[in-house]
Amino acid sequence: MITTTDSYAAPQMKASDADRDAVLAVLSEHFQAGRLTSQELEERTGTALAARTHGELAALTSDLPGPVPAAGPAPAPRASRAPD
């Protein structure tokens, strides 16, 4: 499956229902984070549902920050091996 987060998708490539759904999920997350107003979410949702290409979908999130890696515990330091 190709998603809008796939950097290899050409802007003119046709978008699938799954691609549109992925953008809707991203828009919802940004709305919940306070980056979009309810009016912006409504407008972008309508545009996403009508989008036919990856370029149209990408434009809907181009002014929003990308995914942030989940913060987890820092990896444990590696123990050094004693020479044989």
C-alpha atoms as a PDB file:
ATOM      1  CA  MET A   1       0.000   0.000   0.000  1.00  0.00           C
ATOM      2  CA  ILE A   2       1.246   3.463  -0.816  1.00  0.00           C
ATOM      3  CA  THR A   3       0.521   6.151   1.741  1.00  0.00           C
ATOM      4  CA  THR A   4       0.934   9.886   1.601  1.00  0.00           C
ATOM      5  CA  THR A   5       3.864   9.555   3.950  1.00  0.00           C
ATOM      6  CA  ASP A   6       5.653   7.491   1.312  1.00  0.00           C
ATOM      7  CA  SER A   7       8.347   9.817  -0.028  1.00  0.00           C
ATOM      8  CA  TYR A   8       8.476   7.857  -3.283  1.00  0.00           C
ATOM      9  CA  ALA A   9       4.893   8.603  -4.354  1.00  0.00           C
ATOM     10  CA  ALA A  10       4.869  11.040  -7.272  1.00  0.00           C
ATOM     11  CA  PRO A  11       2.520  14.008  -6.766  1.00  0.00           C
ATOM     12  CA  GLN A  12       0.523  13.119  -9.881  1.00  0.00           C
ATOM     13  CA  MET A  13       0.039   9.484  -8.787  1.00  0.00           C
ATOM     14  CA  LYS A  14      -3.566   8.573  -8.058  1.00  0.00           C
ATOM     15  CA  ALA A  15      -4.438   8.317  -4.379  1.00  0.00           C
ATOM     16  CA  SER A  16      -6.302   5.379  -2.868  1.00  0.00           C
ATOM     17  CA  ASP A  17      -9.011   5.344  -0.213  1.00  0.00           C
ATOM     18  CA  ALA A  18      -6.352   4.196   2.264  1.00  0.00           C
ATOM     19  CA  ASP A  19      -4.200   7.214   1.357  1.00  0.00           C
ATOM     20  CA  ARG A  20      -7.123   9.556   1.987  1.00  0.00           C
ATOM     21  CA  ASP A  21      -7.895   7.795   5.282  1.00  0.00           C
ATOM     22  CA  ALA A  22      -4.274   8.195   6.390  1.00  0.00           C
ATOM     23  CA  VAL A  23      -4.415  11.946   5.753  1.00  0.00           C
ATOM     24  CA  LEU A  24      -7.711  12.208   7.638  1.00  0.00           C
ATOM     25  CA  ALA A  25      -6.064  10.506  10.627  1.00  0.00           C
ATOM     26  CA  VAL A  26      -3.120  12.915  10.499  1.00  0.00           C
ATOM     27  CA  LEU A  27      -5.432  15.924  10.276  1.00  0.00           C
ATOM     28  CA  SER A  28      -7.405  14.651  13.253  1.00  0.00           C
ATOM     29  CA  GLU A  29      -4.223  14.286  15.309  1.00  0.00           C
ATOM     30  CA  HIS A  30      -3.188  17.848  14.490  1.00  0.00           C
ATOM     31  CA  PHE A  31      -6.665  19.110  15.395  1.00  0.00           C
ATOM     32  CA  GLN A  32      -6.457  17.310  18.747  1.00  0.00           C
ATOM     33  CA  ALA A  33      -3.022  18.860  19.310  1.00  0.00           C
ATOM     34  CA  GLY A  34      -4.497  22.327  18.713  1.00  0.00           C
ATOM     35  CA  ARG A  35      -2.725  23.034  15.418  1.00  0.00           C
ATOM     36  CA  LEU A  36      -5.958  23.215  13.416  1.00  0.00           C
ATOM     37  CA  THR A  37      -9.236  24.931  14.210  1.00  0.00           C
ATOM     38  CA  SER A  38     -12.480  23.051  13.754  1.00  0.00           C
ATOM     39  CA  GLN A  39     -13.143  25.092  10.604  1.00  0.00           C
ATOM     40  CA  GLU A  40      -9.695  24.220   9.174  1.00  0.00           C
ATOM     41  CA  LEU A  41     -10.253  20.554   9.985  1.00  0.00           C
ATOM     42  CA  GLU A  42     -13.639  20.603   8.266  1.00  0.00           C
ATOM     43  CA  GLU A  43     -12.250  22.299   5.143  1.00  0.00           C
ATOM     44  CA  ARG A  44      -9.230  20.027   4.888  1.00  0.00           C
ATOM     45  CA  THR A  45     -11.316  16.918   5.541  1.00  0.00           C
ATOM     46  CA  GLY A  46     -13.643  17.810   2.661  1.00  0.00           C
ATOM     47  CA  THR A  47     -10.682  18.473   0.389  1.00  0.00           C
ATOM     48  CA  ALA A  48      -9.006  15.191   1.419  1.00  0.00           C
ATOM     49  CA  LEU A  49     -12.135  13.187   0.659  1.00  0.00           C
ATOM     50  CA  ALA A  50     -12.289  14.740  -2.817  1.00  0.00           C
ATOM     51  CA  ALA A  51      -8.532  14.467  -3.510  1.00  0.00           C
ATOM     52  CA  ARG A  52      -7.533  12.367  -6.495  1.00  0.00           C
ATOM     53  CA  THR A  53      -3.721  12.538  -6.308  1.00  0.00           C
ATOM     54  CA  HIS A  54      -0.920  12.301  -3.776  1.00  0.00           C
ATOM     55  CA  GLY A  55      -0.011  15.914  -4.532  1.00  0.00           C
ATOM     56  CA  GLU A  56      -3.466  17.112  -3.520  1.00  0.00           C
ATOM     57  CA  LEU A  57      -3.219  15.136  -0.286  1.00  0.00           C
ATOM     58  CA  ALA A  58       0.313  16.318   0.474  1.00  0.00           C
ATOM     59  CA  ALA A  59      -0.776  19.953   0.173  1.00  0.00           C
ATOM     60  CA  LEU A  60      -3.212  19.434   3.056  1.00  0.00           C
ATOM     61  CA  THR A  61      -0.439  18.681   5.536  1.00  0.00           C
ATOM     62  CA  SER A  62       2.462  20.663   4.061  1.00  0.00           C
ATOM     63  CA  ASP A  63       2.192  23.378   6.735  1.00  0.00           C
ATOM     64  CA  LEU A  64       2.039  20.905   9.619  1.00  0.00           C
ATOM     65  CA  PRO A  65       4.973  19.276  11.422  1.00  0.00           C
ATOM     66  CA  GLY A  66       5.830  15.727  10.464  1.00  0.00           C
ATOM     67  CA  PRO A  67       5.675  12.700  12.709  1.00  0.00           C
ATOM     68  CA  VAL A  68       7.687  12.871  15.898  1.00  0.00           C
ATOM     69  CA  PRO A  69       9.351   9.670  17.098  1.00  0.00           C
ATOM     70  CA  ALA A  70       7.822   8.339  20.274  1.00  0.00           C
ATOM     71  CA  ALA A  71       9.922   9.104  23.315  1.00  0.00           C
ATOM     72  CA  GLY A  72      11.109   5.970  24.975  1.00  0.00           C
ATOM     73  CA  PRO A  73      13.736   4.997  27.464  1.00  0.00           C
ATOM     74  CA  ALA A  74      17.276   5.691  26.418  1.00  0.00           C
ATOM     75  CA  PRO A  75      19.129   2.592  25.274  1.00  0.00           C
ATOM     76  CA  ALA A  76      21.348   1.024  27.901  1.00  0.00           C
ATOM     77  CA  PRO A  77      25.053   1.656  27.387  1.00  0.00           C
ATOM     78  CA  ARG A  78      26.871  -1.240  25.804  1.00  0.00           C
ATOM     79  CA  ALA A  79      29.326  -3.012  28.031  1.00  0.00           C
ATOM     80  CA  SER A  80      32.798  -3.057  26.594  1.00  0.00           C
ATOM     81  CA  ARG A  81      34.314  -6.457  26.051  1.00  0.00           C
ATOM     82  CA  ALA A  82      37.620  -7.294  27.601  1.00  0.00           C
ATOM     83  CA  PRO A  83      40.265  -8.266  25.055  1.00  0.00           C
ATOM     84  CA  ASP A  84      40.598 -12.017  24.581  1.00  0.00           C
END
